[in-house]
Amino acid sequence: MILDAALADLKGQGISEAGVERVLAALIDQGVFVPVLADGSPYFLRHNADGGPALVGCVSEAGCTEHLPDAVGGVRCDGVRLMEIARETGAGQLVLFASDGSSVGVPIPVLFGALARRGVRGDGQRMKLSWSTHPLAVALRDAAFRRLREFPDIHCVWVSHARWLDTGSEHLMVHMAVGEELPSPASQRFMQTLLTEEVTIGGDDPMVSALALHRVTHAATISDLDRFGLDTIRIDHATGRIELISREYDDPEAAEAARRALAEQRNEHRNDDRQDDRNDGPQDDRQDEQPPPRRWWRRRA
């Protein structure tokens, strides 16, 4: 079994980033058996660090009852199902049992990161990232450039347009490379700052999602993001030097044309709405006045 061999190598050669990556890759591709109790609920251990629940996975169904006497069987789960169980139960650790009874603990955020690197979210759909000229994406990019120096644990930010290939649903995505362990408090504060102090999101704007990536654990994903040609804000906190990289500076006319097309589309919607209002009955003359431009972001005082 590939997962069993990966676990044996990890135990024999010592814990390493490459070894953990091999284990997670095998787990996602092959799946594991989650032991269950007599009532059908998952079997949990207690995480030594904080006493919270730890989800258990075994390389075989027989191992569930062999290594965990209270278990009555096992249910095969892939990486996505493990993530769903962890979210539903609040488990912070995944304990993987090899066939010889030895075990390795993997933090749940590390599993989430491995799934994210494969472009998989909680319902198994795959995501495509691309450069965005949407005014809200530009506002997020510029706001990140203004505020990034205030967050020394965040080293790089990427802003992109995300589309789920299975459903076609779309939104804006902010990825952040962080130096602290996940989940990252700094990334949460950073996004809260952008969305409450810097950026105004209108009712017609796309949803904004955010994902923090560890600079070491998720180095492969970070390299991929750099190759996608996304709007990128990179900072060297030691020197304070900050760099903003965008295709807009390579081809500003294309970016401006895309913005104009979006503005024209919005104006058409507004004109249609005003025409509908006129058809409904008499309106105040002021209704025909052009509305003021929307403020996509506001600077700090």
C-alpha atoms as a PDB file:
ATOM      1  CA  MET A   1       0.000   0.000   0.000  1.00  0.00           C
ATOM      2  CA  ILE A   2       1.389   3.366  -1.031  1.00  0.00           C
ATOM      3  CA  LEU A   3       0.201   5.184   2.099  1.00  0.00           C
ATOM      4  CA  ASP A   4       1.598   2.487   4.394  1.00  0.00           C
ATOM      5  CA  ALA A   5       4.980   2.705   2.649  1.00  0.00           C
ATOM      6  CA  ALA A   6       4.956   6.513   2.898  1.00  0.00           C
ATOM      7  CA  LEU A   7       4.198   6.326   6.616  1.00  0.00           C
ATOM      8  CA  ALA A   8       6.995   3.786   7.132  1.00  0.00           C
ATOM      9  CA  ASP A   9       9.460   6.057   5.322  1.00  0.00           C
ATOM     10  CA  LEU A  10       8.343   9.018   7.408  1.00  0.00           C
ATOM     11  CA  LYS A  11       8.860   7.119  10.656  1.00  0.00           C
ATOM     12  CA  GLY A  12      12.152   5.579   9.541  1.00  0.00           C
ATOM     13  CA  GLN A  13      13.770   8.664   8.024  1.00  0.00           C
ATOM     14  CA  GLY A  14      12.403  11.252  10.420  1.00  0.00           C
ATOM     15  CA  ILE A  15       9.715  13.904  10.008  1.00  0.00           C
ATOM     16  CA  SER A  16      10.438  16.115   7.011  1.00  0.00           C
ATOM     17  CA  GLU A  17       8.444  18.393   4.736  1.00  0.00           C
ATOM     18  CA  ALA A  18       9.016  16.105   1.745  1.00  0.00           C
ATOM     19  CA  GLY A  19       8.001  13.055   3.785  1.00  0.00           C
ATOM     20  CA  VAL A  20       4.788  14.671   4.989  1.00  0.00           C
ATOM     21  CA  GLU A  21       3.987  15.725   1.407  1.00  0.00           C
ATOM     22  CA  ARG A  22       4.351  12.108   0.226  1.00  0.00           C
ATOM     23  CA  VAL A  23       2.047  10.897   3.000  1.00  0.00           C
ATOM     24  CA  LEU A  24      -0.604  13.513   2.194  1.00  0.00           C
ATOM     25  CA  ALA A  25      -0.399  12.832  -1.536  1.00  0.00           C
ATOM     26  CA  ALA A  26      -0.939   9.107  -0.914  1.00  0.00           C
ATOM     27  CA  LEU A  27      -3.776   9.849   1.512  1.00  0.00           C
ATOM     28  CA  ILE A  28      -5.591  12.091  -0.989  1.00  0.00           C
ATOM     29  CA  ASP A  29      -5.129   9.626  -3.861  1.00  0.00           C
ATOM     30  CA  GLN A  30      -5.758   6.419  -1.921  1.00  0.00           C
ATOM     31  CA  GLY A  31      -7.935   7.439   1.018  1.00  0.00           C
ATOM     32  CA  VAL A  32      -7.917   5.995   4.525  1.00  0.00           C
ATOM     33  CA  PHE A  33     -10.313   4.079   6.748  1.00  0.00           C
ATOM     34  CA  VAL A  34     -11.865   6.139   9.533  1.00  0.00           C
ATOM     35  CA  PRO A  35     -12.769   3.885  12.481  1.00  0.00           C
ATOM     36  CA  VAL A  36     -16.349   4.102  13.720  1.00  0.00           C
ATOM     37  CA  LEU A  37     -18.081   3.267  16.998  1.00  0.00           C
ATOM     38  CA  ALA A  38     -21.144   1.038  17.418  1.00  0.00           C
ATOM     39  CA  ASP A  39     -23.490   3.990  16.841  1.00  0.00           C
ATOM     40  CA  GLY A  40     -21.789   4.788  13.529  1.00  0.00           C
ATOM     41  CA  SER A  41     -20.022   7.933  14.738  1.00  0.00           C
ATOM     42  CA  PRO A  42     -16.316   8.475  13.960  1.00  0.00           C
ATOM     43  CA  TYR A  43     -13.764   7.343  16.537  1.00  0.00           C
ATOM     44  CA  PHE A  44     -11.774  10.249  17.996  1.00  0.00           C
ATOM     45  CA  LEU A  45      -8.635  10.497  20.080  1.00  0.00           C
ATOM     46  CA  ARG A  46      -7.736  13.488  22.234  1.00  0.00           C
ATOM     47  CA  HIS A  47      -5.091  15.842  20.958  1.00  0.00           C
ATOM     48  CA  ASN A  48      -2.368  16.076  23.622  1.00  0.00           C
ATOM     49  CA  ALA A  49      -1.609  19.729  22.886  1.00  0.00           C
ATOM     50  CA  ASP A  50      -5.019  21.206  23.706  1.00  0.00           C
ATOM     51  CA  GLY A  51      -7.254  18.277  24.581  1.00  0.00           C
ATOM     52  CA  GLY A  52      -9.311  18.797  21.420  1.00  0.00           C
ATOM     53  CA  PRO A  53     -10.548  15.956  19.207  1.00  0.00           C
ATOM     54  CA  ALA A  54      -8.160  14.220  16.823  1.00  0.00           C
ATOM     55  CA  LEU A  55      -9.581  12.417  13.800  1.00  0.00           C
ATOM     56  CA  VAL A  56      -8.169   8.931  13.162  1.00  0.00           C
ATOM     57  CA  GLY A  57      -7.306   7.241   9.874  1.00  0.00           C
ATOM     58  CA  CYS A  58      -5.995   3.708   9.281  1.00  0.00           C
ATOM     59  CA  VAL A  59      -4.396   2.280   6.152  1.00  0.00           C
ATOM     60  CA  SER A  60      -6.749  -0.745   6.242  1.00  0.00           C
ATOM     61  CA  GLU A  61     -10.196  -1.551   7.585  1.00  0.00           C
ATOM     62  CA  ALA A  62      -8.751  -4.388   9.673  1.00  0.00           C
ATOM     63  CA  GLY A  63      -6.376  -1.911  11.296  1.00  0.00           C
ATOM     64  CA  CYS A  64      -9.315   0.065  12.695  1.00  0.00           C
ATOM     65  CA  THR A  65     -10.340  -2.745  15.073  1.00  0.00           C
ATOM     66  CA  GLU A  66      -6.799  -4.039  15.528  1.00  0.00           C
ATOM     67  CA  HIS A  67      -5.313  -0.793  16.800  1.00  0.00           C
ATOM     68  CA  LEU A  68      -8.444   0.783  18.343  1.00  0.00           C
ATOM     69  CA  PRO A  69     -10.318  -1.709  20.529  1.00  0.00           C
ATOM     70  CA  ASP A  70     -13.485   0.392  20.874  1.00  0.00           C
ATOM     71  CA  ALA A  71     -13.935   0.624  17.106  1.00  0.00           C
ATOM     72  CA  VAL A  72     -16.340  -1.800  15.427  1.00  0.00           C
ATOM     73  CA  GLY A  73     -15.242  -1.154  11.842  1.00  0.00           C
ATOM     74  CA  GLY A  74     -14.043   1.480   9.426  1.00  0.00           C
ATOM     75  CA  VAL A  75     -15.381   3.669   6.630  1.00  0.00           C
ATOM     76  CA  ARG A  76     -13.201   4.538   3.681  1.00  0.00           C
ATOM     77  CA  CYS A  77     -12.783   8.328   3.264  1.00  0.00           C
ATOM     78  CA  ASP A  78     -10.860  10.384   0.740  1.00  0.00           C
ATOM     79  CA  GLY A  79      -9.145  13.671   1.532  1.00  0.00           C
ATOM     80  CA  VAL A  80     -12.236  15.757   0.796  1.00  0.00           C
ATOM     81  CA  ARG A  81     -14.415  13.672   3.127  1.00  0.00           C
ATOM     82  CA  LEU A  82     -11.780  13.919   5.872  1.00  0.00           C
ATOM     83  CA  MET A  83     -11.862  17.701   5.498  1.00  0.00           C
ATOM     84  CA  GLU A  84     -15.646  17.706   5.771  1.00  0.00           C
ATOM     85  CA  ILE A  85     -15.552  15.585   8.951  1.00  0.00           C
ATOM     86  CA  ALA A  86     -12.887  17.825  10.457  1.00  0.00           C
ATOM     87  CA  ARG A  87     -14.977  20.937   9.758  1.00  0.00           C
ATOM     88  CA  GLU A  88     -18.117  19.353  11.163  1.00  0.00           C
ATOM     89  CA  THR A  89     -16.440  18.144  14.360  1.00  0.00           C
ATOM     90  CA  GLY A  90     -13.774  20.787  14.968  1.00  0.00           C
ATOM     91  CA  ALA A  91     -10.955  18.219  14.892  1.00  0.00           C
ATOM     92  CA  GLY A  92      -7.575  19.894  14.813  1.00  0.00           C
ATOM     93  CA  GLN A  93      -5.390  16.856  14.212  1.00  0.00           C
ATOM     94  CA  LEU A  94      -5.412  13.776  11.975  1.00  0.00           C
ATOM     95  CA  VAL A  95      -3.705  10.693  13.476  1.00  0.00           C
ATOM     96  CA  LEU A  96      -2.700   8.170  10.802  1.00  0.00           C
ATOM     97  CA  PHE A  97      -2.073   4.553  11.837  1.00  0.00           C
ATOM     98  CA  ALA A  98       0.265   2.399   9.726  1.00  0.00           C
ATOM     99  CA  SER A  99      -0.229  -1.356   9.419  1.00  0.00           C
ATOM    100  CA  ASP A 100       2.346  -2.020  12.179  1.00  0.00           C
ATOM    101  CA  GLY A 101       0.391   0.108  14.674  1.00  0.00           C
ATOM    102  CA  SER A 102       2.728   3.111  14.602  1.00  0.00           C
ATOM    103  CA  SER A 103       1.071   6.483  14.154  1.00  0.00           C
ATOM    104  CA  VAL A 104       1.834   9.952  12.836  1.00  0.00           C
ATOM    105  CA  GLY A 105      -0.084  13.128  13.681  1.00  0.00           C
ATOM    106  CA  VAL A 106      -0.828  15.648  10.932  1.00  0.00           C
ATOM    107  CA  PRO A 107      -2.418  19.045  11.730  1.00  0.00           C
ATOM    108  CA  ILE A 108      -5.715  19.463   9.895  1.00  0.00           C
ATOM    109  CA  PRO A 109      -4.627  22.808   8.327  1.00  0.00           C
ATOM    110  CA  VAL A 110      -1.759  20.919   6.661  1.00  0.00           C
ATOM    111  CA  LEU A 111      -4.300  18.535   5.111  1.00  0.00           C
ATOM    112  CA  PHE A 112      -6.385  21.525   3.983  1.00  0.00           C
ATOM    113  CA  GLY A 113      -3.281  23.039   2.394  1.00  0.00           C
ATOM    114  CA  ALA A 114      -2.495  19.816   0.509  1.00  0.00           C
ATOM    115  CA  LEU A 115      -6.026  19.778  -0.914  1.00  0.00           C
ATOM    116  CA  ALA A 116      -5.796  23.472  -1.823  1.00  0.00           C
ATOM    117  CA  ARG A 117      -2.566  22.833  -3.733  1.00  0.00           C
ATOM    118  CA  ARG A 118      -4.512  20.425  -5.913  1.00  0.00           C
ATOM    119  CA  GLY A 119      -7.205  23.048  -6.514  1.00  0.00           C
ATOM    120  CA  VAL A 120      -9.784  21.133  -4.475  1.00  0.00           C
ATOM    121  CA  ARG A 121     -12.271  22.766  -2.117  1.00  0.00           C
ATOM    122  CA  GLY A 122     -14.627  21.178   0.391  1.00  0.00           C
ATOM    123  CA  ASP A 123     -17.100  19.727  -2.130  1.00  0.00           C
ATOM    124  CA  GLY A 124     -14.425  18.311  -4.421  1.00  0.00           C
ATOM    125  CA  GLN A 125     -14.648  20.959  -7.126  1.00  0.00           C
ATOM    126  CA  ARG A 126     -11.581  22.264  -8.918  1.00  0.00           C
ATOM    127  CA  MET A 127     -10.667  25.922  -9.264  1.00  0.00           C
ATOM    128  CA  LYS A 128      -8.942  27.979 -11.962  1.00  0.00           C
ATOM    129  CA  LEU A 129      -7.184  31.218 -11.022  1.00  0.00           C
ATOM    130  CA  SER A 130      -6.595  34.057 -13.476  1.00  0.00           C
ATOM    131  CA  TRP A 131      -5.678  37.737 -13.558  1.00  0.00           C
ATOM    132  CA  SER A 132      -8.618  40.075 -12.926  1.00  0.00           C
ATOM    133  CA  THR A 133      -9.232  43.669 -14.039  1.00  0.00           C
ATOM    134  CA  HIS A 134     -12.444  43.941 -12.041  1.00  0.00           C
ATOM    135  CA  PRO A 135     -12.413  47.267 -10.150  1.00  0.00           C
ATOM    136  CA  LEU A 136     -12.894  45.443  -6.852  1.00  0.00           C
ATOM    137  CA  ALA A 137      -9.859  43.242  -7.569  1.00  0.00           C
ATOM    138  CA  VAL A 138      -7.803  46.359  -8.364  1.00  0.00           C
ATOM    139  CA  ALA A 139      -9.057  48.006  -5.161  1.00  0.00           C
ATOM    140  CA  LEU A 140      -8.047  44.954  -3.093  1.00  0.00           C
ATOM    141  CA  ARG A 141      -4.639  44.938  -4.748  1.00  0.00           C
ATOM    142  CA  ASP A 142      -4.013  48.636  -4.087  1.00  0.00           C
ATOM    143  CA  ALA A 143      -5.301  48.378  -0.509  1.00  0.00           C
ATOM    144  CA  ALA A 144      -2.989  45.422   0.141  1.00  0.00           C
ATOM    145  CA  PHE A 145      -0.081  47.506  -1.140  1.00  0.00           C
ATOM    146  CA  ARG A 146      -0.966  50.342   1.242  1.00  0.00           C
ATOM    147  CA  ARG A 147      -1.422  48.187   4.365  1.00  0.00           C
ATOM    148  CA  LEU A 148       0.932  45.205   4.006  1.00  0.00           C
ATOM    149  CA  ARG A 149       3.772  46.827   6.001  1.00  0.00           C
ATOM    150  CA  GLU A 150       1.518  46.683   9.080  1.00  0.00           C
ATOM    151  CA  PHE A 151       1.492  42.853   9.012  1.00  0.00           C
ATOM    152  CA  PRO A 152       5.028  41.446   9.449  1.00  0.00           C
ATOM    153  CA  ASP A 153       3.813  37.821   9.359  1.00  0.00           C
ATOM    154  CA  ILE A 154       2.483  38.224   5.796  1.00  0.00           C
ATOM    155  CA  HIS A 155       5.136  38.218   3.087  1.00  0.00           C
ATOM    156  CA  CYS A 156       3.211  38.120  -0.169  1.00  0.00           C
ATOM    157  CA  VAL A 157      -0.364  38.636  -1.403  1.00  0.00           C
ATOM    158  CA  TRP A 158      -1.946  37.493  -4.680  1.00  0.00           C
ATOM    159  CA  VAL A 159      -5.312  38.791  -5.956  1.00  0.00           C
ATOM    160  CA  SER A 160      -7.090  36.765  -8.621  1.00  0.00           C
ATOM    161  CA  HIS A 161     -10.338  35.779 -10.260  1.00  0.00           C
ATOM    162  CA  ALA A 162     -11.383  32.240  -9.253  1.00  0.00           C
ATOM    163  CA  ARG A 163     -13.742  30.034 -11.237  1.00  0.00           C
ATOM    164  CA  TRP A 164     -14.916  26.600 -10.097  1.00  0.00           C
ATOM    165  CA  LEU A 165     -14.711  24.378 -13.148  1.00  0.00           C
ATOM    166  CA  ASP A 166     -17.480  22.015 -12.038  1.00  0.00           C
ATOM    167  CA  THR A 167     -20.172  24.639 -11.481  1.00  0.00           C
ATOM    168  CA  GLY A 168     -18.899  27.772 -13.216  1.00  0.00           C
ATOM    169  CA  SER A 169     -19.359  29.847 -10.033  1.00  0.00           C
ATOM    170  CA  GLU A 170     -16.924  32.760  -9.789  1.00  0.00           C
ATOM    171  CA  HIS A 171     -15.505  35.045  -7.113  1.00  0.00           C
ATOM    172  CA  LEU A 172     -12.362  36.982  -6.231  1.00  0.00           C
ATOM    173  CA  MET A 173      -9.590  35.268  -4.306  1.00  0.00           C
ATOM    174  CA  VAL A 174      -6.882  36.679  -2.030  1.00  0.00           C
ATOM    175  CA  HIS A 175      -4.004  34.296  -1.274  1.00  0.00           C
ATOM    176  CA  MET A 176      -1.441  35.226   1.379  1.00  0.00           C
ATOM    177  CA  ALA A 177       1.974  33.694   2.114  1.00  0.00           C
ATOM    178  CA  VAL A 178       2.540  33.765   5.879  1.00  0.00           C
ATOM    179  CA  GLY A 179       5.412  32.885   8.176  1.00  0.00           C
ATOM    180  CA  GLU A 180       3.296  31.829  11.152  1.00  0.00           C
ATOM    181  CA  GLU A 181       1.595  28.509  11.763  1.00  0.00           C
ATOM    182  CA  LEU A 182      -1.883  27.992  10.326  1.00  0.00           C
ATOM    183  CA  PRO A 183      -4.588  29.011  10.898  1.00  0.00           C
ATOM    184  CA  SER A 184      -3.023  32.459  10.577  1.00  0.00           C
ATOM    185  CA  PRO A 185      -4.346  35.218  12.880  1.00  0.00           C
ATOM    186  CA  ALA A 186      -2.401  37.802  10.861  1.00  0.00           C
ATOM    187  CA  SER A 187      -4.176  36.895   7.623  1.00  0.00           C
ATOM    188  CA  GLN A 188      -7.550  37.176   9.342  1.00  0.00           C
ATOM    189  CA  ARG A 189      -6.682  40.645  10.716  1.00  0.00           C
ATOM    190  CA  PHE A 190      -5.324  41.679   7.315  1.00  0.00           C
ATOM    191  CA  MET A 191      -8.523  40.777   5.477  1.00  0.00           C
ATOM    192  CA  GLN A 192     -10.656  42.397   8.166  1.00  0.00           C
ATOM    193  CA  THR A 193      -8.630  45.594   7.754  1.00  0.00           C
ATOM    194  CA  LEU A 194      -9.038  45.609   3.979  1.00  0.00           C
ATOM    195  CA  LEU A 195     -12.761  44.910   4.039  1.00  0.00           C
ATOM    196  CA  THR A 196     -13.690  47.294   6.854  1.00  0.00           C
ATOM    197  CA  GLU A 197     -11.247  50.198   6.443  1.00  0.00           C
ATOM    198  CA  GLU A 198     -10.153  50.196   2.799  1.00  0.00           C
ATOM    199  CA  VAL A 199     -12.510  48.583   0.305  1.00  0.00           C
ATOM    200  CA  THR A 200     -16.183  49.266  -0.315  1.00  0.00           C
ATOM    201  CA  ILE A 201     -17.986  46.214  -1.721  1.00  0.00           C
ATOM    202  CA  GLY A 202     -21.191  46.903  -3.615  1.00  0.00           C
ATOM    203  CA  GLY A 203     -24.213  44.685  -3.949  1.00  0.00           C
ATOM    204  CA  ASP A 204     -23.305  43.768  -7.535  1.00  0.00           C
ATOM    205  CA  ASP A 205     -19.700  42.896  -6.729  1.00  0.00           C
ATOM    206  CA  PRO A 206     -18.385  39.327  -6.593  1.00  0.00           C
ATOM    207  CA  MET A 207     -17.765  37.541  -3.308  1.00  0.00           C
ATOM    208  CA  VAL A 208     -14.239  37.765  -1.887  1.00  0.00           C
ATOM    209  CA  SER A 209     -12.543  34.670  -0.426  1.00  0.00           C
ATOM    210  CA  ALA A 210      -9.152  34.422   1.279  1.00  0.00           C
ATOM    211  CA  LEU A 211      -6.653  31.622   1.906  1.00  0.00           C
ATOM    212  CA  ALA A 212      -3.423  31.736   3.921  1.00  0.00           C
ATOM    213  CA  LEU A 213      -0.485  29.559   2.834  1.00  0.00           C
ATOM    214  CA  HIS A 214       2.574  28.734   4.929  1.00  0.00           C
ATOM    215  CA  ARG A 215       5.780  29.870   3.209  1.00  0.00           C
ATOM    216  CA  VAL A 216       7.537  26.524   3.827  1.00  0.00           C
ATOM    217  CA  THR A 217       4.758  23.944   4.017  1.00  0.00           C
ATOM    218  CA  HIS A 218       2.997  25.316   0.931  1.00  0.00           C
ATOM    219  CA  ALA A 219       6.070  26.314  -1.072  1.00  0.00           C
ATOM    220  CA  ALA A 220       4.868  24.354  -4.119  1.00  0.00           C
ATOM    221  CA  THR A 221       1.527  26.169  -4.185  1.00  0.00           C
ATOM    222  CA  ILE A 222       3.259  29.521  -3.775  1.00  0.00           C
ATOM    223  CA  SER A 223       5.485  28.743  -6.769  1.00  0.00           C
ATOM    224  CA  ASP A 224       2.370  27.944  -8.808  1.00  0.00           C
ATOM    225  CA  LEU A 225       0.771  31.260  -7.846  1.00  0.00           C
ATOM    226  CA  ASP A 226       3.868  33.106  -9.014  1.00  0.00           C
ATOM    227  CA  ARG A 227       3.585  31.407 -12.416  1.00  0.00           C
ATOM    228  CA  PHE A 228      -0.064  32.373 -12.975  1.00  0.00           C
ATOM    229  CA  GLY A 229       0.687  36.042 -13.675  1.00  0.00           C
ATOM    230  CA  LEU A 230      -1.655  37.314 -10.947  1.00  0.00           C
ATOM    231  CA  ASP A 231      -1.581  40.736  -9.311  1.00  0.00           C
ATOM    232  CA  THR A 232       1.134  40.266  -6.697  1.00  0.00           C
ATOM    233  CA  ILE A 233       2.242  42.360  -3.710  1.00  0.00           C
ATOM    234  CA  ARG A 234       5.553  41.214  -2.255  1.00  0.00           C
ATOM    235  CA  ILE A 235       7.376  42.719   0.716  1.00  0.00           C
ATOM    236  CA  ASP A 236      10.763  42.365   2.381  1.00  0.00           C
ATOM    237  CA  HIS A 237       9.974  43.263   5.986  1.00  0.00           C
ATOM    238  CA  ALA A 238      13.669  43.507   6.875  1.00  0.00           C
ATOM    239  CA  THR A 239      14.179  46.438   4.512  1.00  0.00           C
ATOM    240  CA  GLY A 240      10.582  47.629   4.176  1.00  0.00           C
ATOM    241  CA  ARG A 241      10.830  47.334   0.383  1.00  0.00           C
ATOM    242  CA  ILE A 242       7.472  46.505  -1.187  1.00  0.00           C
ATOM    243  CA  GLU A 243       6.822  45.552  -4.814  1.00  0.00           C
ATOM    244  CA  LEU A 244       3.574  45.543  -6.788  1.00  0.00           C
ATOM    245  CA  ILE A 245       3.537  43.326  -9.883  1.00  0.00           C
ATOM    246  CA  SER A 246       0.639  43.475 -12.337  1.00  0.00           C
ATOM    247  CA  ARG A 247       0.006  42.750 -16.006  1.00  0.00           C
ATOM    248  CA  GLU A 248      -1.737  46.125 -16.025  1.00  0.00           C
ATOM    249  CA  TYR A 249       1.679  47.755 -16.193  1.00  0.00           C
ATOM    250  CA  ASP A 250       2.648  45.548 -19.161  1.00  0.00           C
ATOM    251  CA  ASP A 251      -0.555  46.244 -21.099  1.00  0.00           C
ATOM    252  CA  PRO A 252      -2.446  49.112 -19.435  1.00  0.00           C
ATOM    253  CA  GLU A 253      -4.688  49.632 -22.465  1.00  0.00           C
ATOM    254  CA  ALA A 254      -6.091  46.108 -22.186  1.00  0.00           C
ATOM    255  CA  ALA A 255      -6.786  46.568 -18.481  1.00  0.00           C
ATOM    256  CA  GLU A 256      -8.446  49.931 -19.057  1.00  0.00           C
ATOM    257  CA  ALA A 257     -10.576  48.503 -21.879  1.00  0.00           C
ATOM    258  CA  ALA A 258     -11.795  45.735 -19.608  1.00  0.00           C
ATOM    259  CA  ARG A 259     -12.717  48.274 -16.927  1.00  0.00           C
ATOM    260  CA  ARG A 260     -14.585  50.427 -19.450  1.00  0.00           C
ATOM    261  CA  ALA A 261     -16.546  47.419 -20.680  1.00  0.00           C
ATOM    262  CA  LEU A 262     -17.525  46.572 -17.113  1.00  0.00           C
ATOM    263  CA  ALA A 263     -18.550  50.194 -16.415  1.00  0.00           C
ATOM    264  CA  GLU A 264     -20.658  50.300 -19.587  1.00  0.00           C
ATOM    265  CA  GLN A 265     -22.364  47.071 -18.612  1.00  0.00           C
ATOM    266  CA  ARG A 266     -23.209  48.515 -15.189  1.00  0.00           C
ATOM    267  CA  ASN A 267     -24.531  51.726 -16.740  1.00  0.00           C
ATOM    268  CA  GLU A 268     -26.800  49.668 -18.987  1.00  0.00           C
ATOM    269  CA  HIS A 269     -28.184  47.892 -15.925  1.00  0.00           C
ATOM    270  CA  ARG A 270     -28.762  51.227 -14.167  1.00  0.00           C
ATOM    271  CA  ASN A 271     -30.497  52.687 -17.237  1.00  0.00           C
ATOM    272  CA  ASP A 272     -32.732  49.631 -17.478  1.00  0.00           C
ATOM    273  CA  ASP A 273     -33.625  49.976 -13.798  1.00  0.00           C
ATOM    274  CA  ARG A 274     -34.469  53.674 -14.215  1.00  0.00           C
ATOM    275  CA  GLN A 275     -36.610  52.901 -17.275  1.00  0.00           C
ATOM    276  CA  ASP A 276     -38.488  50.301 -15.219  1.00  0.00           C
ATOM    277  CA  ASP A 277     -39.077  52.928 -12.515  1.00  0.00           C
ATOM    278  CA  ARG A 278     -40.499  55.386 -15.095  1.00  0.00           C
ATOM    279  CA  ASN A 279     -42.832  52.749 -16.434  1.00  0.00           C
ATOM    280  CA  ASP A 280     -44.149  52.091 -12.926  1.00  0.00           C
ATOM    281  CA  GLY A 281     -45.507  55.649 -12.571  1.00  0.00           C
ATOM    282  CA  PRO A 282     -44.606  59.341 -12.097  1.00  0.00           C
ATOM    283  CA  GLN A 283     -41.229  59.947 -10.534  1.00  0.00           C
ATOM    284  CA  ASP A 284     -39.471  62.959  -9.071  1.00  0.00           C
ATOM    285  CA  ASP A 285     -37.381  64.782 -11.726  1.00  0.00           C
ATOM    286  CA  ARG A 286     -34.299  64.097  -9.651  1.00  0.00           C
ATOM    287  CA  GLN A 287     -34.669  60.401 -10.396  1.00  0.00           C
ATOM    288  CA  ASP A 288     -33.351  61.082 -13.918  1.00  0.00           C
ATOM    289  CA  GLU A 289     -30.073  62.535 -12.691  1.00  0.00           C
ATOM    290  CA  GLN A 290     -26.951  60.442 -13.235  1.00  0.00           C
ATOM    291  CA  PRO A 291     -25.920  58.774  -9.926  1.00  0.00           C
ATOM    292  CA  PRO A 292     -22.512  59.721  -8.537  1.00  0.00           C
ATOM    293  CA  PRO A 293     -19.646  57.345  -9.290  1.00  0.00           C
ATOM    294  CA  ARG A 294     -19.255  54.515  -6.807  1.00  0.00           C
ATOM    295  CA  ARG A 295     -16.259  54.744  -4.509  1.00  0.00           C
ATOM    296  CA  TRP A 296     -14.485  51.463  -4.953  1.00  0.00           C
ATOM    297  CA  TRP A 297     -12.090  52.112  -2.113  1.00  0.00           C
ATOM    298  CA  ARG A 298     -11.287  54.862   0.321  1.00  0.00           C
ATOM    299  CA  ARG A 299      -7.894  55.947   1.529  1.00  0.00           C
ATOM    300  CA  ARG A 300      -7.019  56.325   5.153  1.00  0.00           C
ATOM    301  CA  ALA A 301      -7.031  59.837   6.540  1.00  0.00           C
END
